[in-house]
Structure formats: structure tokens, C-alpha cells
Amino acid sequence: MSFLYRTSTTTFHTAQRATFSTSFRAQKSAVDAAKETISKGVEMSKEASTKAKEAMGINASKAQGSAHEMAGEAKGMASEAKGKTAEMTGEAKGKAEEVKGKMS
């Protein structure tokens, strides 16, 4: 029975790798760890700002293109309205002259 007791209590554990090391080579000071963390944060923020600038540049160029297109359309409509106004003014003057000629 003591034989069963010894075999049943013996278990094999697989050792998981520690998240940190106590060896002299891999040991980092608090300052080194902070520098590493800050540099990673700076890199991530630079990457994010670059992506944001790219996205804003694309959107800004699309908006600028749309604005130019709309300005062109507005100029076209304005010149069309100006032409119609001139046409109607000419017609009104013609009718006024016609009426003036009939009255004389």
C-alpha cells in the first residue's frame, strides 16, 4: 500500500516559462524598462498619427475635389441664370418698344 501512495502522489508538472527572469543577463533596471515602454509608446503614437494624417489627407483631397466641382457647377448655373436674365430683359425691352410703337 505504501507503494501505491508514493506513485499516486508523484505528479509531473510542466514548468511554465516565467514572465520575468532573475538571471543577470536578462535582468533590466526599472529605468531601462521604463525607457523601453516609453519608446514603444512613442512609436505607436507616431504610427497612429501617420495613419490619421494619411486618412485626413485622403478625405481633405476628396473634399477639395468636391468643393471645386461644386464651385464649377455653381459658376455654370450663375452664367446660365445671367444668360436667361439677359434674354428676358431683351424680350421685355422688345415688347416695350412694340407697345411704344403702337401707341405713337
PDB file of N, CA and C in Angstrom:
ATOM      1  N   MET A   1       0.806  -1.171   0.000  1.00  0.00           N
ATOM      2  CA  MET A   1       0.000   0.000   0.000  1.00  0.00           C
ATOM      3  C   MET A   1       0.866   1.260   0.000  1.00  0.00           C
ATOM      4  N   SER A   2       1.964   1.244   0.631  1.00  0.00           N
ATOM      5  CA  SER A   2       2.849   2.395   0.608  1.00  0.00           C
ATOM      6  C   SER A   2       3.365   2.638  -0.802  1.00  0.00           C
ATOM      7  N   PHE A   3       3.458   1.581  -1.574  1.00  0.00           N
ATOM      8  CA  PHE A   3       3.869   1.721  -2.965  1.00  0.00           C
ATOM      9  C   PHE A   3       2.844   2.532  -3.757  1.00  0.00           C
ATOM     10  N   LEU A   4       1.567   2.255  -3.541  1.00  0.00           N
ATOM     11  CA  LEU A   4       0.511   2.998  -4.230  1.00  0.00           C
ATOM     12  C   LEU A   4       0.484   4.451  -3.783  1.00  0.00           C
ATOM     13  N   TYR A   5       0.764   4.653  -2.542  1.00  0.00           N
ATOM     14  CA  TYR A   5       0.743   6.017  -2.009  1.00  0.00           C
ATOM     15  C   TYR A   5       1.828   6.851  -2.676  1.00  0.00           C
ATOM     16  N   ARG A   6       3.024   6.292  -2.833  1.00  0.00           N
ATOM     17  CA  ARG A   6       4.133   7.032  -3.437  1.00  0.00           C
ATOM     18  C   ARG A   6       3.865   7.329  -4.919  1.00  0.00           C
ATOM     19  N   THR A   7       3.337   6.394  -5.624  1.00  0.00           N
ATOM     20  CA  THR A   7       3.101   6.625  -7.049  1.00  0.00           C
ATOM     21  C   THR A   7       1.937   7.565  -7.278  1.00  0.00           C
ATOM     22  N   SER A   8       0.960   7.543  -6.421  1.00  0.00           N
ATOM     23  CA  SER A   8      -0.201   8.405  -6.632  1.00  0.00           C
ATOM     24  C   SER A   8       0.109   9.855  -6.268  1.00  0.00           C
ATOM     25  N   THR A   9       1.041  10.109  -5.395  1.00  0.00           N
ATOM     26  CA  THR A   9       1.345  11.492  -5.029  1.00  0.00           C
ATOM     27  C   THR A   9       2.379  12.110  -5.944  1.00  0.00           C
ATOM     28  N   THR A  10       3.098  11.270  -6.685  1.00  0.00           N
ATOM     29  CA  THR A  10       4.093  11.804  -7.596  1.00  0.00           C
ATOM     30  C   THR A  10       3.379  12.261  -8.869  1.00  0.00           C
ATOM     31  N   THR A  11       3.476  13.506  -9.147  1.00  0.00           N
ATOM     32  CA  THR A  11       2.849  14.046 -10.366  1.00  0.00           C
ATOM     33  C   THR A  11       3.904  14.792 -11.161  1.00  0.00           C
ATOM     34  N   PHE A  12       3.689  14.832 -12.431  1.00  0.00           N
ATOM     35  CA  PHE A  12       4.614  15.536 -13.301  1.00  0.00           C
ATOM     36  C   PHE A  12       4.004  16.872 -13.681  1.00  0.00           C
ATOM     37  N   HIS A  13       4.733  17.892 -13.435  1.00  0.00           N
ATOM     38  CA  HIS A  13       4.280  19.237 -13.793  1.00  0.00           C
ATOM     39  C   HIS A  13       5.191  19.767 -14.892  1.00  0.00           C
ATOM     40  N   THR A  14       4.564  20.363 -15.857  1.00  0.00           N
ATOM     41  CA  THR A  14       5.379  21.020 -16.865  1.00  0.00           C
ATOM     42  C   THR A  14       5.595  22.447 -16.387  1.00  0.00           C
ATOM     43  N   ALA A  15       6.801  22.820 -16.305  1.00  0.00           N
ATOM     44  CA  ALA A  15       7.117  24.157 -15.806  1.00  0.00           C
ATOM     45  C   ALA A  15       6.832  25.182 -16.899  1.00  0.00           C
ATOM     46  N   GLN A  16       6.067  26.182 -16.540  1.00  0.00           N
ATOM     47  CA  GLN A  16       5.785  27.259 -17.480  1.00  0.00           C
ATOM     48  C   GLN A  16       6.912  28.269 -17.404  1.00  0.00           C
ATOM     49  N   ARG A  17       7.196  28.865 -18.523  1.00  0.00           N
ATOM     50  CA  ARG A  17       8.263  29.850 -18.559  1.00  0.00           C
ATOM     51  C   ARG A  17       7.835  31.077 -17.766  1.00  0.00           C
ATOM     52  N   ALA A  18       8.713  31.569 -16.970  1.00  0.00           N
ATOM     53  CA  ALA A  18       8.407  32.737 -16.149  1.00  0.00           C
ATOM     54  C   ALA A  18       8.302  33.971 -17.042  1.00  0.00           C
ATOM     55  N   THR A  19       7.463  34.893 -16.640  1.00  0.00           N
ATOM     56  CA  THR A  19       7.300  36.113 -17.411  1.00  0.00           C
ATOM     57  C   THR A  19       8.473  37.053 -17.206  1.00  0.00           C
ATOM     58  N   PHE A  20       9.285  36.790 -16.230  1.00  0.00           N
ATOM     59  CA  PHE A  20      10.479  37.592 -15.996  1.00  0.00           C
ATOM     60  C   PHE A  20      11.624  36.650 -15.642  1.00  0.00           C
ATOM     61  N   SER A  21      12.805  37.166 -15.736  1.00  0.00           N
ATOM     62  CA  SER A  21      13.965  36.335 -15.456  1.00  0.00           C
ATOM     63  C   SER A  21      14.771  36.955 -14.327  1.00  0.00           C
ATOM     64  N   THR A  22      15.381  36.112 -13.544  1.00  0.00           N
ATOM     65  CA  THR A  22      16.213  36.608 -12.454  1.00  0.00           C
ATOM     66  C   THR A  22      17.689  36.478 -12.775  1.00  0.00           C
ATOM     67  N   SER A  23      17.964  35.992 -13.985  1.00  0.00           N
ATOM     68  CA  SER A  23      19.373  35.880 -14.360  1.00  0.00           C
ATOM     69  C   SER A  23      19.934  37.271 -14.605  1.00  0.00           C
ATOM     70  N   PHE A  24      21.219  37.425 -14.431  1.00  0.00           N
ATOM     71  CA  PHE A  24      21.857  38.728 -14.537  1.00  0.00           C
ATOM     72  C   PHE A  24      21.754  39.292 -15.953  1.00  0.00           C
ATOM     73  N   ARG A  25      21.865  38.454 -16.969  1.00  0.00           N
ATOM     74  CA  ARG A  25      21.826  38.918 -18.353  1.00  0.00           C
ATOM     75  C   ARG A  25      20.486  39.531 -18.732  1.00  0.00           C
ATOM     76  N   ALA A  26      19.403  38.887 -18.339  1.00  0.00           N
ATOM     77  CA  ALA A  26      18.081  39.324 -18.778  1.00  0.00           C
ATOM     78  C   ALA A  26      17.454  40.327 -17.823  1.00  0.00           C
ATOM     79  N   GLN A  27      18.098  40.594 -16.735  1.00  0.00           N
ATOM     80  CA  GLN A  27      17.513  41.492 -15.747  1.00  0.00           C
ATOM     81  C   GLN A  27      17.621  42.933 -16.229  1.00  0.00           C
ATOM     82  N   LYS A  28      16.535  43.657 -16.166  1.00  0.00           N
ATOM     83  CA  LYS A  28      16.521  45.051 -16.583  1.00  0.00           C
ATOM     84  C   LYS A  28      16.280  45.921 -15.362  1.00  0.00           C
ATOM     85  N   SER A  29      16.858  47.076 -15.390  1.00  0.00           N
ATOM     86  CA  SER A  29      16.589  48.008 -14.299  1.00  0.00           C
ATOM     87  C   SER A  29      15.235  48.654 -14.560  1.00  0.00           C
ATOM     88  N   ALA A  30      14.720  49.287 -13.562  1.00  0.00           N
ATOM     89  CA  ALA A  30      13.428  49.955 -13.693  1.00  0.00           C
ATOM     90  C   ALA A  30      13.511  51.065 -14.740  1.00  0.00           C
ATOM     91  N   VAL A  31      14.648  51.734 -14.794  1.00  0.00           N
ATOM     92  CA  VAL A  31      14.830  52.813 -15.768  1.00  0.00           C
ATOM     93  C   VAL A  31      14.829  52.262 -17.189  1.00  0.00           C
ATOM     94  N   ASP A  32      15.536  51.142 -17.407  1.00  0.00           N
ATOM     95  CA  ASP A  32      15.570  50.538 -18.741  1.00  0.00           C
ATOM     96  C   ASP A  32      14.178  50.075 -19.163  1.00  0.00           C
ATOM     97  N   ALA A  33      13.456  49.472 -18.229  1.00  0.00           N
ATOM     98  CA  ALA A  33      12.104  49.009 -18.540  1.00  0.00           C
ATOM     99  C   ALA A  33      11.197  50.191 -18.878  1.00  0.00           C
ATOM    100  N   ALA A  34      11.334  51.291 -18.134  1.00  0.00           N
ATOM    101  CA  ALA A  34      10.520  52.480 -18.402  1.00  0.00           C
ATOM    102  C   ALA A  34      10.881  53.076 -19.758  1.00  0.00           C
ATOM    103  N   LYS A  35      12.190  53.140 -20.070  1.00  0.00           N
ATOM    104  CA  LYS A  35      12.614  53.664 -21.369  1.00  0.00           C
ATOM    105  C   LYS A  35      12.038  52.835 -22.515  1.00  0.00           C
ATOM    106  N   GLU A  36      12.076  51.519 -22.343  1.00  0.00           N
ATOM    107  CA  GLU A  36      11.557  50.629 -23.380  1.00  0.00           C
ATOM    108  C   GLU A  36      10.062  50.841 -23.571  1.00  0.00           C
ATOM    109  N   THR A  37       9.347  50.953 -22.470  1.00  0.00           N
ATOM    110  CA  THR A  37       7.897  51.161 -22.527  1.00  0.00           C
ATOM    111  C   THR A  37       7.580  52.495 -23.185  1.00  0.00           C
ATOM    112  N   ILE A  38       8.306  53.522 -22.814  1.00  0.00           N
ATOM    113  CA  ILE A  38       8.063  54.853 -23.388  1.00  0.00           C
ATOM    114  C   ILE A  38       8.385  54.855 -24.872  1.00  0.00           C
ATOM    115  N   SER A  39       9.492  54.224 -25.256  1.00  0.00           N
ATOM    116  CA  SER A  39       9.857  54.218 -26.677  1.00  0.00           C
ATOM    117  C   SER A  39       8.822  53.456 -27.500  1.00  0.00           C
ATOM    118  N   LYS A  40       8.283  52.371 -26.941  1.00  0.00           N
ATOM    119  CA  LYS A  40       7.220  51.649 -27.652  1.00  0.00           C
ATOM    120  C   LYS A  40       5.983  52.526 -27.786  1.00  0.00           C
ATOM    121  N   GLY A  41       5.668  53.263 -26.724  1.00  0.00           N
ATOM    122  CA  GLY A  41       4.513  54.161 -26.760  1.00  0.00           C
ATOM    123  C   GLY A  41       4.690  55.266 -27.781  1.00  0.00           C
ATOM    124  N   VAL A  42       5.906  55.806 -27.854  1.00  0.00           N
ATOM    125  CA  VAL A  42       6.189  56.866 -28.826  1.00  0.00           C
ATOM    126  C   VAL A  42       6.057  56.320 -30.241  1.00  0.00           C
ATOM    127  N   GLU A  43       6.592  55.130 -30.476  1.00  0.00           N
ATOM    128  CA  GLU A  43       6.490  54.519 -31.803  1.00  0.00           C
ATOM    129  C   GLU A  43       5.035  54.301 -32.186  1.00  0.00           C
ATOM    130  N   MET A  44       4.243  53.807 -31.244  1.00  0.00           N
ATOM    131  CA  MET A  44       2.829  53.561 -31.528  1.00  0.00           C
ATOM    132  C   MET A  44       2.099  54.867 -31.818  1.00  0.00           C
ATOM    133  N   SER A  45       2.415  55.931 -31.067  1.00  0.00           N
ATOM    134  CA  SER A  45       1.734  57.205 -31.291  1.00  0.00           C
ATOM    135  C   SER A  45       2.147  57.811 -32.628  1.00  0.00           C
ATOM    136  N   LYS A  46       3.418  57.655 -33.022  1.00  0.00           N
ATOM    137  CA  LYS A  46       3.852  58.145 -34.330  1.00  0.00           C
ATOM    138  C   LYS A  46       3.120  57.414 -35.443  1.00  0.00           C
ATOM    139  N   GLU A  47       2.992  56.105 -35.287  1.00  0.00           N
ATOM    140  CA  GLU A  47       2.294  55.302 -36.291  1.00  0.00           C
ATOM    141  C   GLU A  47       0.833  55.724 -36.398  1.00  0.00           C
ATOM    142  N   ALA A  48       0.201  55.937 -35.237  1.00  0.00           N
ATOM    143  CA  ALA A  48      -1.207  56.342 -35.232  1.00  0.00           C
ATOM    144  C   ALA A  48      -1.372  57.720 -35.862  1.00  0.00           C
ATOM    145  N   SER A  49      -0.458  58.645 -35.551  1.00  0.00           N
ATOM    146  CA  SER A  49      -0.584  59.987 -36.133  1.00  0.00           C
ATOM    147  C   SER A  49      -0.350  59.950 -37.639  1.00  0.00           C
ATOM    148  N   THR A  50       0.564  59.102 -38.089  1.00  0.00           N
ATOM    149  CA  THR A  50       0.801  58.968 -39.531  1.00  0.00           C
ATOM    150  C   THR A  50      -0.446  58.446 -40.226  1.00  0.00           C
ATOM    151  N   LYS A  51      -1.064  57.438 -39.638  1.00  0.00           N
ATOM    152  CA  LYS A  51      -2.287  56.895 -40.228  1.00  0.00           C
ATOM    153  C   LYS A  51      -3.399  57.935 -40.244  1.00  0.00           C
ATOM    154  N   ALA A  52      -3.508  58.700 -39.160  1.00  0.00           N
ATOM    155  CA  ALA A  52      -4.544  59.730 -39.095  1.00  0.00           C
ATOM    156  C   ALA A  52      -4.295  60.810 -40.141  1.00  0.00           C
ATOM    157  N   LYS A  53      -3.023  61.211 -40.298  1.00  0.00           N
ATOM    158  CA  LYS A  53      -2.700  62.228 -41.297  1.00  0.00           C
ATOM    159  C   LYS A  53      -3.009  61.722 -42.699  1.00  0.00           C
ATOM    160  N   GLU A  54      -2.696  60.459 -42.964  1.00  0.00           N
ATOM    161  CA  GLU A  54      -2.991  59.885 -44.272  1.00  0.00           C
ATOM    162  C   GLU A  54      -4.492  59.890 -44.529  1.00  0.00           C
ATOM    163  N   ALA A  55      -5.251  59.481 -43.514  1.00  0.00           N
ATOM    164  CA  ALA A  55      -6.710  59.439 -43.671  1.00  0.00           C
ATOM    165  C   ALA A  55      -7.265  60.844 -43.880  1.00  0.00           C
ATOM    166  N   MET A  56      -6.756  61.807 -43.129  1.00  0.00           N
ATOM    167  CA  MET A  56      -7.242  63.179 -43.271  1.00  0.00           C
ATOM    168  C   MET A  56      -6.820  63.749 -44.616  1.00  0.00           C
ATOM    169  N   GLY A  57      -5.644  63.384 -45.091  1.00  0.00           N
ATOM    170  CA  GLY A  57      -5.185  63.855 -46.395  1.00  0.00           C
ATOM    171  C   GLY A  57      -6.067  63.343 -47.507  1.00  0.00           C
ATOM    172  N   ILE A  58      -6.431  62.082 -47.415  1.00  0.00           N
ATOM    173  CA  ILE A  58      -7.316  61.491 -48.419  1.00  0.00           C
ATOM    174  C   ILE A  58      -8.673  62.181 -48.364  1.00  0.00           C
ATOM    175  N   ASN A  59      -9.216  62.339 -47.164  1.00  0.00           N
ATOM    176  CA  ASN A  59     -10.518  62.977 -47.022  1.00  0.00           C
ATOM    177  C   ASN A  59     -10.461  64.446 -47.423  1.00  0.00           C
ATOM    178  N   ALA A  60      -9.349  65.107 -47.093  1.00  0.00           N
ATOM    179  CA  ALA A  60      -9.224  66.519 -47.446  1.00  0.00           C
ATOM    180  C   ALA A  60      -9.149  66.685 -48.953  1.00  0.00           C
ATOM    181  N   SER A  61      -8.408  65.813 -49.624  1.00  0.00           N
ATOM    182  CA  SER A  61      -8.316  65.937 -51.073  1.00  0.00           C
ATOM    183  C   SER A  61      -9.657  65.630 -51.733  1.00  0.00           C
ATOM    184  N   LYS A  62     -10.396  64.659 -51.191  1.00  0.00           N
ATOM    185  CA  LYS A  62     -11.729  64.379 -51.731  1.00  0.00           C
ATOM    186  C   LYS A  62     -12.645  65.574 -51.529  1.00  0.00           C
ATOM    187  N   ALA A  63     -12.572  66.178 -50.338  1.00  0.00           N
ATOM    188  CA  ALA A  63     -13.413  67.338 -50.044  1.00  0.00           C
ATOM    189  C   ALA A  63     -13.032  68.504 -50.942  1.00  0.00           C
ATOM    190  N   GLN A  64     -11.737  68.691 -51.160  1.00  0.00           N
ATOM    191  CA  GLN A  64     -11.292  69.778 -52.016  1.00  0.00           C
ATOM    192  C   GLN A  64     -11.764  69.547 -53.454  1.00  0.00           C
ATOM    193  N   GLY A  65     -11.674  68.315 -53.911  1.00  0.00           N
ATOM    194  CA  GLY A  65     -12.155  67.997 -55.250  1.00  0.00           C
ATOM    195  C   GLY A  65     -13.647  68.238 -55.376  1.00  0.00           C
ATOM    196  N   SER A  66     -14.396  67.835 -54.354  1.00  0.00           N
ATOM    197  CA  SER A  66     -15.842  68.063 -54.368  1.00  0.00           C
ATOM    198  C   SER A  66     -16.156  69.552 -54.341  1.00  0.00           C
ATOM    199  N   ALA A  67     -15.380  70.308 -53.569  1.00  0.00           N
ATOM    200  CA  ALA A  67     -15.614  71.753 -53.491  1.00  0.00           C
ATOM    201  C   ALA A  67     -15.362  72.410 -54.842  1.00  0.00           C
ATOM    202  N   HIS A  68     -14.281  71.999 -55.524  1.00  0.00           N
ATOM    203  CA  HIS A  68     -14.001  72.556 -56.845  1.00  0.00           C
ATOM    204  C   HIS A  68     -15.101  72.187 -57.841  1.00  0.00           C
ATOM    205  N   GLU A  69     -15.571  70.963 -57.746  1.00  0.00           N
ATOM    206  CA  GLU A  69     -16.635  70.513 -58.640  1.00  0.00           C
ATOM    207  C   GLU A  69     -17.910  71.318 -58.409  1.00  0.00           C
ATOM    208  N   MET A  70     -18.251  71.503 -57.131  1.00  0.00           N
ATOM    209  CA  MET A  70     -19.463  72.254 -56.801  1.00  0.00           C
ATOM    210  C   MET A  70     -19.313  73.721 -57.207  1.00  0.00           C
ATOM    211  N   ALA A  71     -18.106  74.270 -57.056  1.00  0.00           N
ATOM    212  CA  ALA A  71     -17.878  75.660 -57.467  1.00  0.00           C
ATOM    213  C   ALA A  71     -18.061  75.792 -58.979  1.00  0.00           C
ATOM    214  N   GLY A  72     -17.568  74.808 -59.710  1.00  0.00           N
ATOM    215  CA  GLY A  72     -17.753  74.817 -61.161  1.00  0.00           C
ATOM    216  C   GLY A  72     -19.218  74.752 -61.540  1.00  0.00           C
ATOM    217  N   GLU A  73     -19.959  73.889 -60.861  1.00  0.00           N
ATOM    218  CA  GLU A  73     -21.397  73.783 -61.127  1.00  0.00           C
ATOM    219  C   GLU A  73     -22.104  75.088 -60.798  1.00  0.00           C
ATOM    220  N   ALA A  74     -21.722  75.712 -59.692  1.00  0.00           N
ATOM    221  CA  ALA A  74     -22.350  76.979 -59.296  1.00  0.00           C
ATOM    222  C   ALA A  74     -22.056  78.070 -60.321  1.00  0.00           C
ATOM    223  N   LYS A  75     -20.819  78.104 -60.826  1.00  0.00           N
ATOM    224  CA  LYS A  75     -20.482  79.100 -61.857  1.00  0.00           C
ATOM    225  C   LYS A  75     -21.298  78.855 -63.119  1.00  0.00           C
ATOM    226  N   GLY A  76     -21.464  77.586 -63.460  1.00  0.00           N
ATOM    227  CA  GLY A  76     -22.270  77.249 -64.632  1.00  0.00           C
ATOM    228  C   GLY A  76     -23.707  77.683 -64.467  1.00  0.00           C
ATOM    229  N   MET A  77     -24.263  77.440 -63.303  1.00  0.00           N
ATOM    230  CA  MET A  77     -25.650  77.840 -63.032  1.00  0.00           C
ATOM    231  C   MET A  77     -25.780  79.357 -63.039  1.00  0.00           C
ATOM    232  N   ALA A  78     -24.766  80.046 -62.481  1.00  0.00           N
ATOM    233  CA  ALA A  78     -24.812  81.506 -62.441  1.00  0.00           C
ATOM    234  C   ALA A  78     -24.771  82.082 -63.850  1.00  0.00           C
ATOM    235  N   SER A  79     -23.895  81.528 -64.692  1.00  0.00           N
ATOM    236  CA  SER A  79     -23.817  82.053 -66.067  1.00  0.00           C
ATOM    237  C   SER A  79     -25.095  81.731 -66.841  1.00  0.00           C
ATOM    238  N   GLU A  80     -25.691  80.575 -66.564  1.00  0.00           N
ATOM    239  CA  GLU A  80     -26.958  80.215 -67.210  1.00  0.00           C
ATOM    240  C   GLU A  80     -28.060  81.179 -66.782  1.00  0.00           C
ATOM    241  N   ALA A  81     -28.105  81.473 -65.479  1.00  0.00           N
ATOM    242  CA  ALA A  81     -29.115  82.402 -64.970  1.00  0.00           C
ATOM    243  C   ALA A  81     -28.890  83.796 -65.546  1.00  0.00           C
ATOM    244  N   LYS A  82     -27.622  84.191 -65.669  1.00  0.00           N
ATOM    245  CA  LYS A  82     -27.300  85.501 -66.230  1.00  0.00           C
ATOM    246  C   LYS A  82     -27.766  85.580 -67.692  1.00  0.00           C
ATOM    247  N   GLY A  83     -27.549  84.483 -68.422  1.00  0.00           N
ATOM    248  CA  GLY A  83     -28.000  84.439 -69.819  1.00  0.00           C
ATOM    249  C   GLY A  83     -29.510  84.533 -69.927  1.00  0.00           C
ATOM    250  N   LYS A  84     -30.222  83.810 -69.075  1.00  0.00           N
ATOM    251  CA  LYS A  84     -31.686  83.865 -69.111  1.00  0.00           C
ATOM    252  C   LYS A  84     -32.187  85.243 -68.726  1.00  0.00           C
ATOM    253  N   THR A  85     -31.513  85.861 -67.765  1.00  0.00           N
ATOM    254  CA  THR A  85     -31.911  87.207 -67.350  1.00  0.00           C
ATOM    255  C   THR A  85     -31.727  88.186 -68.505  1.00  0.00           C
ATOM    256  N   ALA A  86     -30.606  88.069 -69.189  1.00  0.00           N
ATOM    257  CA  ALA A  86     -30.349  88.960 -70.325  1.00  0.00           C
ATOM    258  C   ALA A  86     -31.383  88.716 -71.424  1.00  0.00           C
ATOM    259  N   GLU A  87     -31.721  87.456 -71.647  1.00  0.00           N
ATOM    260  CA  GLU A  87     -32.714  87.114 -72.651  1.00  0.00           C
ATOM    261  C   GLU A  87     -34.067  87.715 -72.303  1.00  0.00           C
ATOM    262  N   MET A  88     -34.469  87.572 -71.039  1.00  0.00           N
ATOM    263  CA  MET A  88     -35.771  88.103 -70.610  1.00  0.00           C
ATOM    264  C   MET A  88     -35.770  89.628 -70.648  1.00  0.00           C
ATOM    265  N   THR A  89     -34.624  90.239 -70.326  1.00  0.00           N
ATOM    266  CA  THR A  89     -34.530  91.699 -70.392  1.00  0.00           C
ATOM    267  C   THR A  89     -34.688  92.162 -71.838  1.00  0.00           C
ATOM    268  N   GLY A  90     -34.054  91.443 -72.738  1.00  0.00           N
ATOM    269  CA  GLY A  90     -34.169  91.770 -74.164  1.00  0.00           C
ATOM    270  C   GLY A  90     -35.606  91.644 -74.642  1.00  0.00           C
ATOM    271  N   GLU A  91     -36.280  90.568 -74.215  1.00  0.00           N
ATOM    272  CA  GLU A  91     -37.684  90.377 -74.598  1.00  0.00           C
ATOM    273  C   GLU A  91     -38.554  91.496 -74.050  1.00  0.00           C
ATOM    274  N   ALA A  92     -38.283  91.863 -72.781  1.00  0.00           N
ATOM    275  CA  ALA A  92     -39.086  92.930 -72.170  1.00  0.00           C
ATOM    276  C   ALA A  92     -38.869  94.255 -72.895  1.00  0.00           C
ATOM    277  N   LYS A  93     -37.622  94.543 -73.250  1.00  0.00           N
ATOM    278  CA  LYS A  93     -37.346  95.783 -73.992  1.00  0.00           C
ATOM    279  C   LYS A  93     -38.018  95.763 -75.369  1.00  0.00           C
ATOM    280  N   GLY A  94     -37.977  94.593 -75.999  1.00  0.00           N
ATOM    281  CA  GLY A  94     -38.624  94.457 -77.316  1.00  0.00           C
ATOM    282  C   GLY A  94     -40.115  94.685 -77.231  1.00  0.00           C
ATOM    283  N   LYS A  95     -40.742  94.125 -76.220  1.00  0.00           N
ATOM    284  CA  LYS A  95     -42.190  94.306 -76.068  1.00  0.00           C
ATOM    285  C   LYS A  95     -42.510  95.750 -75.711  1.00  0.00           C
ATOM    286  N   ALA A  96     -41.644  96.368 -74.914  1.00  0.00           N
ATOM    287  CA  ALA A  96     -41.871  97.763 -74.546  1.00  0.00           C
ATOM    288  C   ALA A  96     -41.780  98.655 -75.789  1.00  0.00           C
ATOM    289  N   GLU A  97     -40.817  98.386 -76.640  1.00  0.00           N
ATOM    290  CA  GLU A  97     -40.680  99.156 -77.882  1.00  0.00           C
ATOM    291  C   GLU A  97     -41.876  98.915 -78.794  1.00  0.00           C
ATOM    292  N   GLU A  98     -42.353  97.677 -78.806  1.00  0.00           N
ATOM    293  CA  GLU A  98     -43.511  97.333 -79.645  1.00  0.00           C
ATOM    294  C   GLU A  98     -44.748  98.094 -79.173  1.00  0.00           C
ATOM    295  N   VAL A  99     -44.939  98.095 -77.848  1.00  0.00           N
ATOM    296  CA  VAL A  99     -46.093  98.797 -77.284  1.00  0.00           C
ATOM    297  C   VAL A  99     -45.945 100.289 -77.519  1.00  0.00           C
ATOM    298  N   LYS A 100     -44.714 100.820 -77.385  1.00  0.00           N
ATOM    299  CA  LYS A 100     -44.452 102.230 -77.580  1.00  0.00           C
ATOM    300  C   LYS A 100     -44.719 102.605 -79.042  1.00  0.00           C
ATOM    301  N   GLY A 101     -44.374 101.716 -79.975  1.00  0.00           N
ATOM    302  CA  GLY A 101     -44.614 101.962 -81.390  1.00  0.00           C
ATOM    303  C   GLY A 101     -46.101 101.951 -81.720  1.00  0.00           C
ATOM    304  N   LYS A 102     -46.862 101.095 -81.057  1.00  0.00           N
ATOM    305  CA  LYS A 102     -48.306 101.014 -81.322  1.00  0.00           C
ATOM    306  C   LYS A 102     -49.014 102.247 -80.747  1.00  0.00           C
ATOM    307  N   MET A 103     -48.484 102.806 -79.704  1.00  0.00           N
ATOM    308  CA  MET A 103     -49.134 103.954 -79.057  1.00  0.00           C
ATOM    309  C   MET A 103     -48.837 105.255 -79.836  1.00  0.00           C
ATOM    310  N   SER A 104     -47.806 105.295 -80.563  1.00  0.00           N
ATOM    311  CA  SER A 104     -47.487 106.542 -81.236  1.00  0.00           C
ATOM    312  C   SER A 104     -48.238 106.720 -82.503  1.00  0.00           C
TER     313      SER A 104
END
